[in-house]
Amino acid sequence: QNEILGDLQSEFGSITAENPAELPIRDLGKGVAGYTGGGKFSKAQTARLISSKMPGGFGLTGVRQHLTAKGFKDGNIQAMLLHGLTLEPAKRLATEAEAHAWLDSLAQDYTGLHGITVGG
């Protein structure tokens, strides 16, 4: 419980809700003021995803370039990478082409889930 609360505070900063461990997630979100995304915890998790599953030499810059070329903005890219944590490949992707295919599949799943259209 303390570890989870520590991770939440690492991501969101100060949590103003009283007794946060006992609150439903919806109510806990109300106690997180000013969160704009991309906190310490989520950045560490997406960095781990990229370093462990993308091919050598294809890092965050390559991921961002590929998704930007598809029409995604920074906020969508970060959210998409967080979504990618739930769909991460079973093993490291061997080639840049495989990484592009996985990112394209992730983008399709993300846009379908959120009902958005992105050109590119």
PDB file of N, CA and C in Angstrom:
ATOM      1  N   GLN A   1       0.830  -1.184   0.000  1.00  0.00           N
ATOM      2  CA  GLN A   1       0.000   0.000   0.000  1.00  0.00           C
ATOM      3  C   GLN A   1       0.880   1.255   0.000  1.00  0.00           C
ATOM      4  N   ASN A   2       1.888   1.284   0.852  1.00  0.00           N
ATOM      5  CA  ASN A   2       2.763   2.449   0.904  1.00  0.00           C
ATOM      6  C   ASN A   2       3.528   2.630  -0.402  1.00  0.00           C
ATOM      7  N   GLU A   3       3.933   1.504  -1.019  1.00  0.00           N
ATOM      8  CA  GLU A   3       4.660   1.583  -2.288  1.00  0.00           C
ATOM      9  C   GLU A   3       3.780   2.180  -3.380  1.00  0.00           C
ATOM     10  N   ILE A   4       2.533   1.761  -3.431  1.00  0.00           N
ATOM     11  CA  ILE A   4       1.607   2.301  -4.436  1.00  0.00           C
ATOM     12  C   ILE A   4       1.376   3.784  -4.192  1.00  0.00           C
ATOM     13  N   LEU A   5       1.165   4.167  -2.956  1.00  0.00           N
ATOM     14  CA  LEU A   5       0.981   5.588  -2.642  1.00  0.00           C
ATOM     15  C   LEU A   5       2.229   6.385  -2.982  1.00  0.00           C
ATOM     16  N   GLY A   6       3.396   5.813  -2.745  1.00  0.00           N
ATOM     17  CA  GLY A   6       4.649   6.471  -3.111  1.00  0.00           C
ATOM     18  C   GLY A   6       4.749   6.679  -4.615  1.00  0.00           C
ATOM     19  N   ASP A   7       4.366   5.665  -5.400  1.00  0.00           N
ATOM     20  CA  ASP A   7       4.367   5.785  -6.859  1.00  0.00           C
ATOM     21  C   ASP A   7       3.374   6.855  -7.318  1.00  0.00           C
ATOM     22  N   LEU A   8       2.212   6.887  -6.682  1.00  0.00           N
ATOM     23  CA  LEU A   8       1.212   7.902  -7.038  1.00  0.00           C
ATOM     24  C   LEU A   8       1.737   9.306  -6.746  1.00  0.00           C
ATOM     25  N   GLN A   9       2.373   9.483  -5.611  1.00  0.00           N
ATOM     26  CA  GLN A   9       2.907  10.806  -5.280  1.00  0.00           C
ATOM     27  C   GLN A   9       4.075  11.160  -6.184  1.00  0.00           C
ATOM     28  N   SER A  10       4.855  10.163  -6.595  1.00  0.00           N
ATOM     29  CA  SER A  10       5.953  10.404  -7.528  1.00  0.00           C
ATOM     30  C   SER A  10       5.414  10.891  -8.872  1.00  0.00           C
ATOM     31  N   GLU A  11       4.296  10.333  -9.277  1.00  0.00           N
ATOM     32  CA  GLU A  11       3.703  10.701 -10.567  1.00  0.00           C
ATOM     33  C   GLU A  11       2.946  12.024 -10.491  1.00  0.00           C
ATOM     34  N   PHE A  12       2.104  12.161  -9.490  1.00  0.00           N
ATOM     35  CA  PHE A  12       1.167  13.283  -9.446  1.00  0.00           C
ATOM     36  C   PHE A  12       1.589  14.420  -8.539  1.00  0.00           C
ATOM     37  N   GLY A  13       2.653  14.239  -7.768  1.00  0.00           N
ATOM     38  CA  GLY A  13       3.031  15.261  -6.811  1.00  0.00           C
ATOM     39  C   GLY A  13       2.172  15.128  -5.568  1.00  0.00           C
ATOM     40  N   SER A  14       1.839  16.219  -4.987  1.00  0.00           N
ATOM     41  CA  SER A  14       1.054  16.216  -3.760  1.00  0.00           C
ATOM     42  C   SER A  14      -0.365  15.711  -4.024  1.00  0.00           C
ATOM     43  N   ILE A  15      -0.792  14.780  -3.215  1.00  0.00           N
ATOM     44  CA  ILE A  15      -2.174  14.290  -3.276  1.00  0.00           C
ATOM     45  C   ILE A  15      -2.892  14.879  -2.078  1.00  0.00           C
ATOM     46  N   THR A  16      -3.884  15.719  -2.355  1.00  0.00           N
ATOM     47  CA  THR A  16      -4.558  16.448  -1.277  1.00  0.00           C
ATOM     48  C   THR A  16      -5.704  15.677  -0.653  1.00  0.00           C
ATOM     49  N   ALA A  17      -6.085  14.551  -1.244  1.00  0.00           N
ATOM     50  CA  ALA A  17      -7.203  13.770  -0.702  1.00  0.00           C
ATOM     51  C   ALA A  17      -6.830  13.213   0.670  1.00  0.00           C
ATOM     52  N   GLU A  18      -7.815  13.193   1.540  1.00  0.00           N
ATOM     53  CA  GLU A  18      -7.604  12.647   2.866  1.00  0.00           C
ATOM     54  C   GLU A  18      -7.750  11.127   2.805  1.00  0.00           C
ATOM     55  N   ASN A  19      -6.801  10.402   3.396  1.00  0.00           N
ATOM     56  CA  ASN A  19      -6.783   8.942   3.415  1.00  0.00           C
ATOM     57  C   ASN A  19      -6.880   8.355   1.994  1.00  0.00           C
ATOM     58  N   PRO A  20      -5.942   8.671   1.119  1.00  0.00           N
ATOM     59  CA  PRO A  20      -6.023   8.276  -0.289  1.00  0.00           C
ATOM     60  C   PRO A  20      -6.068   6.772  -0.539  1.00  0.00           C
ATOM     61  N   ALA A  21      -5.529   5.971   0.356  1.00  0.00           N
ATOM     62  CA  ALA A  21      -5.514   4.518   0.162  1.00  0.00           C
ATOM     63  C   ALA A  21      -6.910   3.913   0.206  1.00  0.00           C
ATOM     64  N   GLU A  22      -7.826   4.609   0.814  1.00  0.00           N
ATOM     65  CA  GLU A  22      -9.185   4.090   0.971  1.00  0.00           C
ATOM     66  C   GLU A  22     -10.176   4.623  -0.057  1.00  0.00           C
ATOM     67  N   LEU A  23      -9.722   5.519  -0.927  1.00  0.00           N
ATOM     68  CA  LEU A  23     -10.634   6.162  -1.873  1.00  0.00           C
ATOM     69  C   LEU A  23     -10.762   5.389  -3.181  1.00  0.00           C
ATOM     70  N   PRO A  24     -11.940   5.416  -3.790  1.00  0.00           N
ATOM     71  CA  PRO A  24     -12.065   4.899  -5.161  1.00  0.00           C
ATOM     72  C   PRO A  24     -11.203   5.766  -6.080  1.00  0.00           C
ATOM     73  N   ILE A  25     -10.705   5.196  -7.159  1.00  0.00           N
ATOM     74  CA  ILE A  25      -9.785   5.909  -8.058  1.00  0.00           C
ATOM     75  C   ILE A  25     -10.406   7.206  -8.583  1.00  0.00           C
ATOM     76  N   ARG A  26     -11.702   7.213  -8.852  1.00  0.00           N
ATOM     77  CA  ARG A  26     -12.377   8.422  -9.348  1.00  0.00           C
ATOM     78  C   ARG A  26     -12.262   9.558  -8.330  1.00  0.00           C
ATOM     79  N   ASP A  27     -12.451   9.242  -7.063  1.00  0.00           N
ATOM     80  CA  ASP A  27     -12.352  10.263  -6.019  1.00  0.00           C
ATOM     81  C   ASP A  27     -10.907  10.673  -5.774  1.00  0.00           C
ATOM     82  N   LEU A  28      -9.992   9.719  -5.892  1.00  0.00           N
ATOM     83  CA  LEU A  28      -8.578  10.034  -5.731  1.00  0.00           C
ATOM     84  C   LEU A  28      -8.128  11.043  -6.786  1.00  0.00           C
ATOM     85  N   GLY A  29      -8.627  10.895  -8.015  1.00  0.00           N
ATOM     86  CA  GLY A  29      -8.292  11.826  -9.092  1.00  0.00           C
ATOM     87  C   GLY A  29      -8.693  13.257  -8.790  1.00  0.00           C
ATOM     88  N   LYS A  30      -9.744  13.436  -8.026  1.00  0.00           N
ATOM     89  CA  LYS A  30     -10.189  14.781  -7.657  1.00  0.00           C
ATOM     90  C   LYS A  30      -9.196  15.464  -6.723  1.00  0.00           C
ATOM     91  N   GLY A  31      -8.390  14.665  -6.015  1.00  0.00           N
ATOM     92  CA  GLY A  31      -7.419  15.216  -5.078  1.00  0.00           C
ATOM     93  C   GLY A  31      -6.070  15.510  -5.707  1.00  0.00           C
ATOM     94  N   VAL A  32      -5.968  15.300  -7.015  1.00  0.00           N
ATOM     95  CA  VAL A  32      -4.707  15.547  -7.728  1.00  0.00           C
ATOM     96  C   VAL A  32      -4.870  16.843  -8.509  1.00  0.00           C
ATOM     97  N   ALA A  33      -4.304  17.905  -7.995  1.00  0.00           N
ATOM     98  CA  ALA A  33      -4.478  19.216  -8.617  1.00  0.00           C
ATOM     99  C   ALA A  33      -3.352  19.513  -9.597  1.00  0.00           C
ATOM    100  N   GLY A  34      -3.715  20.019 -10.761  1.00  0.00           N
ATOM    101  CA  GLY A  34      -2.731  20.538 -11.696  1.00  0.00           C
ATOM    102  C   GLY A  34      -1.923  19.504 -12.457  1.00  0.00           C
ATOM    103  N   TYR A  35      -2.344  18.237 -12.472  1.00  0.00           N
ATOM    104  CA  TYR A  35      -1.581  17.222 -13.201  1.00  0.00           C
ATOM    105  C   TYR A  35      -1.779  17.412 -14.701  1.00  0.00           C
ATOM    106  N   THR A  36      -0.666  17.483 -15.423  1.00  0.00           N
ATOM    107  CA  THR A  36      -0.750  17.650 -16.881  1.00  0.00           C
ATOM    108  C   THR A  36      -0.180  16.455 -17.621  1.00  0.00           C
ATOM    109  N   GLY A  37       0.186  15.412 -16.910  1.00  0.00           N
ATOM    110  CA  GLY A  37       0.700  14.203 -17.542  1.00  0.00           C
ATOM    111  C   GLY A  37       2.209  14.177 -17.578  1.00  0.00           C
ATOM    112  N   GLY A  38       2.722  12.997 -17.763  1.00  0.00           N
ATOM    113  CA  GLY A  38       4.158  12.847 -17.899  1.00  0.00           C
ATOM    114  C   GLY A  38       4.931  13.071 -16.626  1.00  0.00           C
ATOM    115  N   GLY A  39       4.491  12.459 -15.529  1.00  0.00           N
ATOM    116  CA  GLY A  39       5.216  12.561 -14.272  1.00  0.00           C
ATOM    117  C   GLY A  39       6.385  11.596 -14.229  1.00  0.00           C
ATOM    118  N   LYS A  40       7.083  11.612 -13.111  1.00  0.00           N
ATOM    119  CA  LYS A  40       8.299  10.820 -12.939  1.00  0.00           C
ATOM    120  C   LYS A  40       8.050   9.327 -13.154  1.00  0.00           C
ATOM    121  N   PHE A  41       6.987   8.796 -12.590  1.00  0.00           N
ATOM    122  CA  PHE A  41       6.715   7.365 -12.682  1.00  0.00           C
ATOM    123  C   PHE A  41       6.370   6.949 -14.110  1.00  0.00           C
ATOM    124  N   SER A  42       5.473   7.674 -14.770  1.00  0.00           N
ATOM    125  CA  SER A  42       5.077   7.282 -16.134  1.00  0.00           C
ATOM    126  C   SER A  42       6.235   7.442 -17.118  1.00  0.00           C
ATOM    127  N   LYS A  43       7.046   8.470 -16.931  1.00  0.00           N
ATOM    128  CA  LYS A  43       8.210   8.632 -17.808  1.00  0.00           C
ATOM    129  C   LYS A  43       9.188   7.480 -17.638  1.00  0.00           C
ATOM    130  N   ALA A  44       9.385   7.030 -16.405  1.00  0.00           N
ATOM    131  CA  ALA A  44      10.280   5.898 -16.157  1.00  0.00           C
ATOM    132  C   ALA A  44       9.736   4.620 -16.789  1.00  0.00           C
ATOM    133  N   GLN A  45       8.432   4.428 -16.711  1.00  0.00           N
ATOM    134  CA  GLN A  45       7.835   3.223 -17.290  1.00  0.00           C
ATOM    135  C   GLN A  45       7.911   3.232 -18.818  1.00  0.00           C
ATOM    136  N   THR A  46       7.651   4.382 -19.429  1.00  0.00           N
ATOM    137  CA  THR A  46       7.738   4.429 -20.894  1.00  0.00           C
ATOM    138  C   THR A  46       9.187   4.332 -21.356  1.00  0.00           C
ATOM    139  N   ALA A  47      10.119   4.871 -20.590  1.00  0.00           N
ATOM    140  CA  ALA A  47      11.543   4.730 -20.923  1.00  0.00           C
ATOM    141  C   ALA A  47      11.956   3.267 -20.862  1.00  0.00           C
ATOM    142  N   ARG A  48      11.467   2.538 -19.861  1.00  0.00           N
ATOM    143  CA  ARG A  48      11.749   1.108 -19.741  1.00  0.00           C
ATOM    144  C   ARG A  48      11.178   0.347 -20.931  1.00  0.00           C
ATOM    145  N   LEU A  49       9.953   0.687 -21.330  1.00  0.00           N
ATOM    146  CA  LEU A  49       9.332   0.049 -22.498  1.00  0.00           C
ATOM    147  C   LEU A  49      10.205   0.237 -23.737  1.00  0.00           C
ATOM    148  N   ILE A  50      10.622   1.458 -23.982  1.00  0.00           N
ATOM    149  CA  ILE A  50      11.410   1.749 -25.179  1.00  0.00           C
ATOM    150  C   ILE A  50      12.774   1.082 -25.122  1.00  0.00           C
ATOM    151  N   SER A  51      13.436   1.160 -23.981  1.00  0.00           N
ATOM    152  CA  SER A  51      14.786   0.594 -23.896  1.00  0.00           C
ATOM    153  C   SER A  51      14.785  -0.929 -23.932  1.00  0.00           C
ATOM    154  N   SER A  52      13.714  -1.557 -23.482  1.00  0.00           N
ATOM    155  CA  SER A  52      13.707  -3.016 -23.430  1.00  0.00           C
ATOM    156  C   SER A  52      13.035  -3.675 -24.629  1.00  0.00           C
ATOM    157  N   LYS A  53      12.198  -2.949 -25.375  1.00  0.00           N
ATOM    158  CA  LYS A  53      11.435  -3.579 -26.451  1.00  0.00           C
ATOM    159  C   LYS A  53      11.753  -3.051 -27.850  1.00  0.00           C
ATOM    160  N   MET A  54      12.305  -1.857 -27.944  1.00  0.00           N
ATOM    161  CA  MET A  54      12.651  -1.321 -29.262  1.00  0.00           C
ATOM    162  C   MET A  54      14.028  -1.845 -29.689  1.00  0.00           C
ATOM    163  N   PRO A  55      14.254  -1.935 -31.002  1.00  0.00           N
ATOM    164  CA  PRO A  55      15.566  -2.412 -31.457  1.00  0.00           C
ATOM    165  C   PRO A  55      16.674  -1.432 -31.089  1.00  0.00           C
ATOM    166  N   GLY A  56      17.905  -1.942 -31.006  1.00  0.00           N
ATOM    167  CA  GLY A  56      19.045  -1.090 -30.704  1.00  0.00           C
ATOM    168  C   GLY A  56      19.120   0.078 -31.668  1.00  0.00           C
ATOM    169  N   GLY A  57      19.391   1.263 -31.146  1.00  0.00           N
ATOM    170  CA  GLY A  57      19.504   2.454 -31.976  1.00  0.00           C
ATOM    171  C   GLY A  57      18.175   3.130 -32.274  1.00  0.00           C
ATOM    172  N   PHE A  58      17.060   2.515 -31.861  1.00  0.00           N
ATOM    173  CA  PHE A  58      15.738   3.107 -32.088  1.00  0.00           C
ATOM    174  C   PHE A  58      15.154   3.441 -30.723  1.00  0.00           C
ATOM    175  N   GLY A  59      15.397   4.677 -30.292  1.00  0.00           N
ATOM    176  CA  GLY A  59      14.959   5.102 -28.972  1.00  0.00           C
ATOM    177  C   GLY A  59      13.767   6.035 -29.026  1.00  0.00           C
ATOM    178  N   LEU A  60      13.633   6.834 -27.981  1.00  0.00           N
ATOM    179  CA  LEU A  60      12.501   7.754 -27.863  1.00  0.00           C
ATOM    180  C   LEU A  60      12.441   8.732 -29.028  1.00  0.00           C
ATOM    181  N   THR A  61      13.585   9.196 -29.490  1.00  0.00           N
ATOM    182  CA  THR A  61      13.600  10.128 -30.626  1.00  0.00           C
ATOM    183  C   THR A  61      12.993   9.471 -31.858  1.00  0.00           C
ATOM    184  N   GLY A  62      13.381   8.241 -32.135  1.00  0.00           N
ATOM    185  CA  GLY A  62      12.822   7.514 -33.281  1.00  0.00           C
ATOM    186  C   GLY A  62      11.333   7.273 -33.141  1.00  0.00           C
ATOM    187  N   VAL A  63      10.910   6.926 -31.929  1.00  0.00           N
ATOM    188  CA  VAL A  63       9.482   6.710 -31.665  1.00  0.00           C
ATOM    189  C   VAL A  63       8.713   7.998 -31.925  1.00  0.00           C
ATOM    190  N   ARG A  64       9.196   9.102 -31.353  1.00  0.00           N
ATOM    191  CA  ARG A  64       8.509  10.394 -31.519  1.00  0.00           C
ATOM    192  C   ARG A  64       8.490  10.835 -32.986  1.00  0.00           C
ATOM    193  N   GLN A  65       9.593  10.646 -33.692  1.00  0.00           N
ATOM    194  CA  GLN A  65       9.640  11.020 -35.106  1.00  0.00           C
ATOM    195  C   GLN A  65       8.625  10.229 -35.911  1.00  0.00           C
ATOM    196  N   HIS A  66       8.550   8.939 -35.658  1.00  0.00           N
ATOM    197  CA  HIS A  66       7.609   8.102 -36.402  1.00  0.00           C
ATOM    198  C   HIS A  66       6.169   8.525 -36.134  1.00  0.00           C
ATOM    199  N   LEU A  67       5.829   8.727 -34.862  1.00  0.00           N
ATOM    200  CA  LEU A  67       4.449   9.078 -34.524  1.00  0.00           C
ATOM    201  C   LEU A  67       4.109  10.516 -34.919  1.00  0.00           C
ATOM    202  N   THR A  68       5.068  11.420 -34.845  1.00  0.00           N
ATOM    203  CA  THR A  68       4.842  12.793 -35.301  1.00  0.00           C
ATOM    204  C   THR A  68       4.570  12.815 -36.800  1.00  0.00           C
ATOM    205  N   ALA A  69       5.304  12.000 -37.551  1.00  0.00           N
ATOM    206  CA  ALA A  69       5.090  11.915 -39.001  1.00  0.00           C
ATOM    207  C   ALA A  69       3.693  11.397 -39.323  1.00  0.00           C
ATOM    208  N   LYS A  70       3.099  10.641 -38.392  1.00  0.00           N
ATOM    209  CA  LYS A  70       1.729  10.137 -38.574  1.00  0.00           C
ATOM    210  C   LYS A  70       0.688  11.186 -38.171  1.00  0.00           C
ATOM    211  N   GLY A  71       1.141  12.310 -37.591  1.00  0.00           N
ATOM    212  CA  GLY A  71       0.225  13.392 -37.240  1.00  0.00           C
ATOM    213  C   GLY A  71      -0.062  13.533 -35.759  1.00  0.00           C
ATOM    214  N   PHE A  72       0.607  12.766 -34.918  1.00  0.00           N
ATOM    215  CA  PHE A  72       0.362  12.850 -33.481  1.00  0.00           C
ATOM    216  C   PHE A  72       1.161  13.983 -32.848  1.00  0.00           C
ATOM    217  N   LYS A  73       0.584  14.588 -31.843  1.00  0.00           N
ATOM    218  CA  LYS A  73       1.227  15.653 -31.059  1.00  0.00           C
ATOM    219  C   LYS A  73       1.829  15.041 -29.792  1.00  0.00           C
ATOM    220  N   ASP A  74       2.675  15.809 -29.105  1.00  0.00           N
ATOM    221  CA  ASP A  74       3.388  15.300 -27.929  1.00  0.00           C
ATOM    222  C   ASP A  74       2.478  14.686 -26.866  1.00  0.00           C
ATOM    223  N   GLY A  75       1.384  15.353 -26.547  1.00  0.00           N
ATOM    224  CA  GLY A  75       0.480  14.827 -25.512  1.00  0.00           C
ATOM    225  C   GLY A  75      -0.101  13.484 -25.900  1.00  0.00           C
ATOM    226  N   ASN A  76      -0.480  13.346 -27.168  1.00  0.00           N
ATOM    227  CA  ASN A  76      -1.005  12.069 -27.641  1.00  0.00           C
ATOM    228  C   ASN A  76       0.080  10.996 -27.640  1.00  0.00           C
ATOM    229  N   ILE A  77       1.290  11.375 -27.982  1.00  0.00           N
ATOM    230  CA  ILE A  77       2.386  10.400 -28.014  1.00  0.00           C
ATOM    231  C   ILE A  77       2.647   9.865 -26.617  1.00  0.00           C
ATOM    232  N   GLN A  78       2.702  10.732 -25.623  1.00  0.00           N
ATOM    233  CA  GLN A  78       2.921  10.276 -24.251  1.00  0.00           C
ATOM    234  C   GLN A  78       1.783   9.367 -23.801  1.00  0.00           C
ATOM    235  N   ALA A  79       0.550   9.762 -24.067  1.00  0.00           N
ATOM    236  CA  ALA A  79      -0.603   8.940 -23.683  1.00  0.00           C
ATOM    237  C   ALA A  79      -0.573   7.600 -24.417  1.00  0.00           C
ATOM    238  N   MET A  80      -0.186   7.623 -25.680  1.00  0.00           N
ATOM    239  CA  MET A  80      -0.119   6.402 -26.465  1.00  0.00           C
ATOM    240  C   MET A  80       0.951   5.456 -25.916  1.00  0.00           C
ATOM    241  N   LEU A  81       2.090   6.009 -25.513  1.00  0.00           N
ATOM    242  CA  LEU A  81       3.137   5.171 -24.939  1.00  0.00           C
ATOM    243  C   LEU A  81       2.689   4.565 -23.605  1.00  0.00           C
ATOM    244  N   LEU A  82       1.930   5.308 -22.828  1.00  0.00           N
ATOM    245  CA  LEU A  82       1.370   4.743 -21.602  1.00  0.00           C
ATOM    246  C   LEU A  82       0.414   3.603 -21.943  1.00  0.00           C
ATOM    247  N   HIS A  83      -0.392   3.790 -22.957  1.00  0.00           N
ATOM    248  CA  HIS A  83      -1.285   2.732 -23.431  1.00  0.00           C
ATOM    249  C   HIS A  83      -0.457   1.539 -23.901  1.00  0.00           C
ATOM    250  N   GLY A  84       0.678   1.819 -24.518  1.00  0.00           N
ATOM    251  CA  GLY A  84       1.564   0.767 -25.007  1.00  0.00           C
ATOM    252  C   GLY A  84       2.099  -0.130 -23.902  1.00  0.00           C
ATOM    253  N   LEU A  85       2.130   0.370 -22.673  1.00  0.00           N
ATOM    254  CA  LEU A  85       2.564  -0.460 -21.551  1.00  0.00           C
ATOM    255  C   LEU A  85       1.645  -1.658 -21.368  1.00  0.00           C
ATOM    256  N   THR A  86       0.391  -1.515 -21.770  1.00  0.00           N
ATOM    257  CA  THR A  86      -0.561  -2.622 -21.636  1.00  0.00           C
ATOM    258  C   THR A  86      -0.494  -3.564 -22.834  1.00  0.00           C
ATOM    259  N   LEU A  87       0.213  -3.171 -23.880  1.00  0.00           N
ATOM    260  CA  LEU A  87       0.286  -3.962 -25.107  1.00  0.00           C
ATOM    261  C   LEU A  87       1.721  -4.235 -25.541  1.00  0.00           C
ATOM    262  N   GLU A  88       2.654  -4.163 -24.603  1.00  0.00           N
ATOM    263  CA  GLU A  88       4.052  -4.242 -25.003  1.00  0.00           C
ATOM    264  C   GLU A  88       4.380  -5.592 -25.623  1.00  0.00           C
ATOM    265  N   PRO A  89       5.281  -5.588 -26.585  1.00  0.00           N
ATOM    266  CA  PRO A  89       5.680  -6.840 -27.240  1.00  0.00           C
ATOM    267  C   PRO A  89       6.276  -7.827 -26.231  1.00  0.00           C
ATOM    268  N   ALA A  90       6.120  -9.106 -26.523  1.00  0.00           N
ATOM    269  CA  ALA A  90       6.633 -10.140 -25.622  1.00  0.00           C
ATOM    270  C   ALA A  90       8.157 -10.137 -25.573  1.00  0.00           C
ATOM    271  N   LYS A  91       8.788  -9.723 -26.668  1.00  0.00           N
ATOM    272  CA  LYS A  91      10.247  -9.689 -26.712  1.00  0.00           C
ATOM    273  C   LYS A  91      10.696  -8.437 -27.446  1.00  0.00           C
ATOM    274  N   ARG A  92      11.995  -8.169 -27.390  1.00  0.00           N
ATOM    275  CA  ARG A  92      12.550  -6.998 -28.078  1.00  0.00           C
ATOM    276  C   ARG A  92      12.295  -7.125 -29.578  1.00  0.00           C
ATOM    277  N   LEU A  93      11.849  -6.039 -30.181  1.00  0.00           N
ATOM    278  CA  LEU A  93      11.641  -6.014 -31.628  1.00  0.00           C
ATOM    279  C   LEU A  93      13.011  -5.970 -32.305  1.00  0.00           C
ATOM    280  N   ALA A  94      13.167  -6.750 -33.354  1.00  0.00           N
ATOM    281  CA  ALA A  94      14.489  -6.946 -33.947  1.00  0.00           C
ATOM    282  C   ALA A  94      14.899  -5.847 -34.915  1.00  0.00           C
ATOM    283  N   THR A  95      13.929  -5.238 -35.595  1.00  0.00           N
ATOM    284  CA  THR A  95      14.260  -4.259 -36.631  1.00  0.00           C
ATOM    285  C   THR A  95      13.430  -2.996 -36.469  1.00  0.00           C
ATOM    286  N   GLU A  96      13.897  -1.955 -37.115  1.00  0.00           N
ATOM    287  CA  GLU A  96      13.144  -0.697 -37.108  1.00  0.00           C
ATOM    288  C   GLU A  96      11.788  -0.893 -37.787  1.00  0.00           C
ATOM    289  N   ALA A  97      11.731  -1.722 -38.815  1.00  0.00           N
ATOM    290  CA  ALA A  97      10.455  -2.002 -39.492  1.00  0.00           C
ATOM    291  C   ALA A  97       9.460  -2.649 -38.526  1.00  0.00           C
ATOM    292  N   GLU A  98       9.939  -3.570 -37.692  1.00  0.00           N
ATOM    293  CA  GLU A  98       9.062  -4.179 -36.683  1.00  0.00           C
ATOM    294  C   GLU A  98       8.600  -3.138 -35.670  1.00  0.00           C
ATOM    295  N   ALA A  99       9.489  -2.238 -35.287  1.00  0.00           N
ATOM    296  CA  ALA A  99       9.122  -1.177 -34.344  1.00  0.00           C
ATOM    297  C   ALA A  99       8.057  -0.274 -34.963  1.00  0.00           C
ATOM    298  N   HIS A 100       8.234   0.089 -36.222  1.00  0.00           N
ATOM    299  CA  HIS A 100       7.234   0.918 -36.908  1.00  0.00           C
ATOM    300  C   HIS A 100       5.888   0.202 -36.969  1.00  0.00           C
ATOM    301  N   ALA A 101       5.910  -1.095 -37.279  1.00  0.00           N
ATOM    302  CA  ALA A 101       4.656  -1.861 -37.360  1.00  0.00           C
ATOM    303  C   ALA A 101       3.962  -1.906 -35.996  1.00  0.00           C
ATOM    304  N   TRP A 102       4.740  -2.103 -34.920  1.00  0.00           N
ATOM    305  CA  TRP A 102       4.144  -2.126 -33.586  1.00  0.00           C
ATOM    306  C   TRP A 102       3.571  -0.757 -33.228  1.00  0.00           C
ATOM    307  N   LEU A 103       4.306   0.305 -33.520  1.00  0.00           N
ATOM    308  CA  LEU A 103       3.826   1.661 -33.243  1.00  0.00           C
ATOM    309  C   LEU A 103       2.572   1.975 -34.046  1.00  0.00           C
ATOM    310  N   ASP A 104       2.517   1.534 -35.288  1.00  0.00           N
ATOM    311  CA  ASP A 104       1.326   1.751 -36.115  1.00  0.00           C
ATOM    312  C   ASP A 104       0.122   1.011 -35.536  1.00  0.00           C
ATOM    313  N   SER A 105       0.355  -0.215 -35.068  1.00  0.00           N
ATOM    314  CA  SER A 105      -0.713  -0.994 -34.449  1.00  0.00           C
ATOM    315  C   SER A 105      -1.175  -0.328 -33.148  1.00  0.00           C
ATOM    316  N   LEU A 106      -0.221   0.157 -32.371  1.00  0.00           N
ATOM    317  CA  LEU A 106      -0.532   0.865 -31.136  1.00  0.00           C
ATOM    318  C   LEU A 106      -1.347   2.129 -31.437  1.00  0.00           C
ATOM    319  N   ALA A 107      -0.936   2.867 -32.445  1.00  0.00           N
ATOM    320  CA  ALA A 107      -1.648   4.089 -32.829  1.00  0.00           C
ATOM    321  C   ALA A 107      -3.080   3.778 -33.251  1.00  0.00           C
ATOM    322  N   GLN A 108      -3.254   2.707 -34.008  1.00  0.00           N
ATOM    323  CA  GLN A 108      -4.593   2.325 -34.458  1.00  0.00           C
ATOM    324  C   GLN A 108      -5.465   1.950 -33.254  1.00  0.00           C
ATOM    325  N   ASP A 109      -4.912   1.189 -32.331  1.00  0.00           N
ATOM    326  CA  ASP A 109      -5.654   0.797 -31.144  1.00  0.00           C
ATOM    327  C   ASP A 109      -6.005   2.022 -30.303  1.00  0.00           C
ATOM    328  N   TYR A 110      -5.038   2.918 -30.114  1.00  0.00           N
ATOM    329  CA  TYR A 110      -5.233   4.124 -29.308  1.00  0.00           C
ATOM    330  C   TYR A 110      -6.301   5.032 -29.910  1.00  0.00           C
ATOM    331  N   THR A 111      -6.205   5.288 -31.205  1.00  0.00           N
ATOM    332  CA  THR A 111      -7.186   6.187 -31.831  1.00  0.00           C
ATOM    333  C   THR A 111      -8.578   5.568 -31.832  1.00  0.00           C
ATOM    334  N   GLY A 112      -8.658   4.248 -32.027  1.00  0.00           N
ATOM    335  CA  GLY A 112      -9.955   3.577 -31.971  1.00  0.00           C
ATOM    336  C   GLY A 112     -10.561   3.629 -30.579  1.00  0.00           C
ATOM    337  N   LEU A 113      -9.735   3.427 -29.586  1.00  0.00           N
ATOM    338  CA  LEU A 113     -10.200   3.440 -28.198  1.00  0.00           C
ATOM    339  C   LEU A 113     -10.725   4.822 -27.806  1.00  0.00           C
ATOM    340  N   HIS A 114     -10.074   5.878 -28.299  1.00  0.00           N
ATOM    341  CA  HIS A 114     -10.446   7.241 -27.911  1.00  0.00           C
ATOM    342  C   HIS A 114     -11.304   7.963 -28.953  1.00  0.00           C
ATOM    343  N   GLY A 115     -11.605   7.278 -30.052  1.00  0.00           N
ATOM    344  CA  GLY A 115     -12.485   7.863 -31.061  1.00  0.00           C
ATOM    345  C   GLY A 115     -11.898   9.116 -31.717  1.00  0.00           C
ATOM    346  N   ILE A 116     -10.594   9.133 -31.931  1.00  0.00           N
ATOM    347  CA  ILE A 116      -9.973  10.288 -32.572  1.00  0.00           C
ATOM    348  C   ILE A 116      -9.426   9.896 -33.934  1.00  0.00           C
ATOM    349  N   THR A 117      -9.303  10.879 -34.777  1.00  0.00           N
ATOM    350  CA  THR A 117      -8.746  10.684 -36.108  1.00  0.00           C
ATOM    351  C   THR A 117      -7.499  11.544 -36.224  1.00  0.00           C
ATOM    352  N   VAL A 118      -6.434  10.939 -36.722  1.00  0.00           N
ATOM    353  CA  VAL A 118      -5.176  11.661 -36.899  1.00  0.00           C
ATOM    354  C   VAL A 118      -4.736  11.443 -38.331  1.00  0.00           C
ATOM    355  N   GLY A 119      -4.398  12.533 -39.017  1.00  0.00           N
ATOM    356  CA  GLY A 119      -3.922  12.414 -40.389  1.00  0.00           C
ATOM    357  C   GLY A 119      -2.409  12.304 -40.420  1.00  0.00           C
ATOM    358  N   GLY A 120      -1.893  11.810 -41.555  1.00  0.00           N
ATOM    359  CA  GLY A 120      -0.455  11.773 -41.633  1.00  0.00           C
ATOM    360  C   GLY A 120       0.081  10.770 -42.549  1.00  0.00           C
TER     361      GLY A 120
END
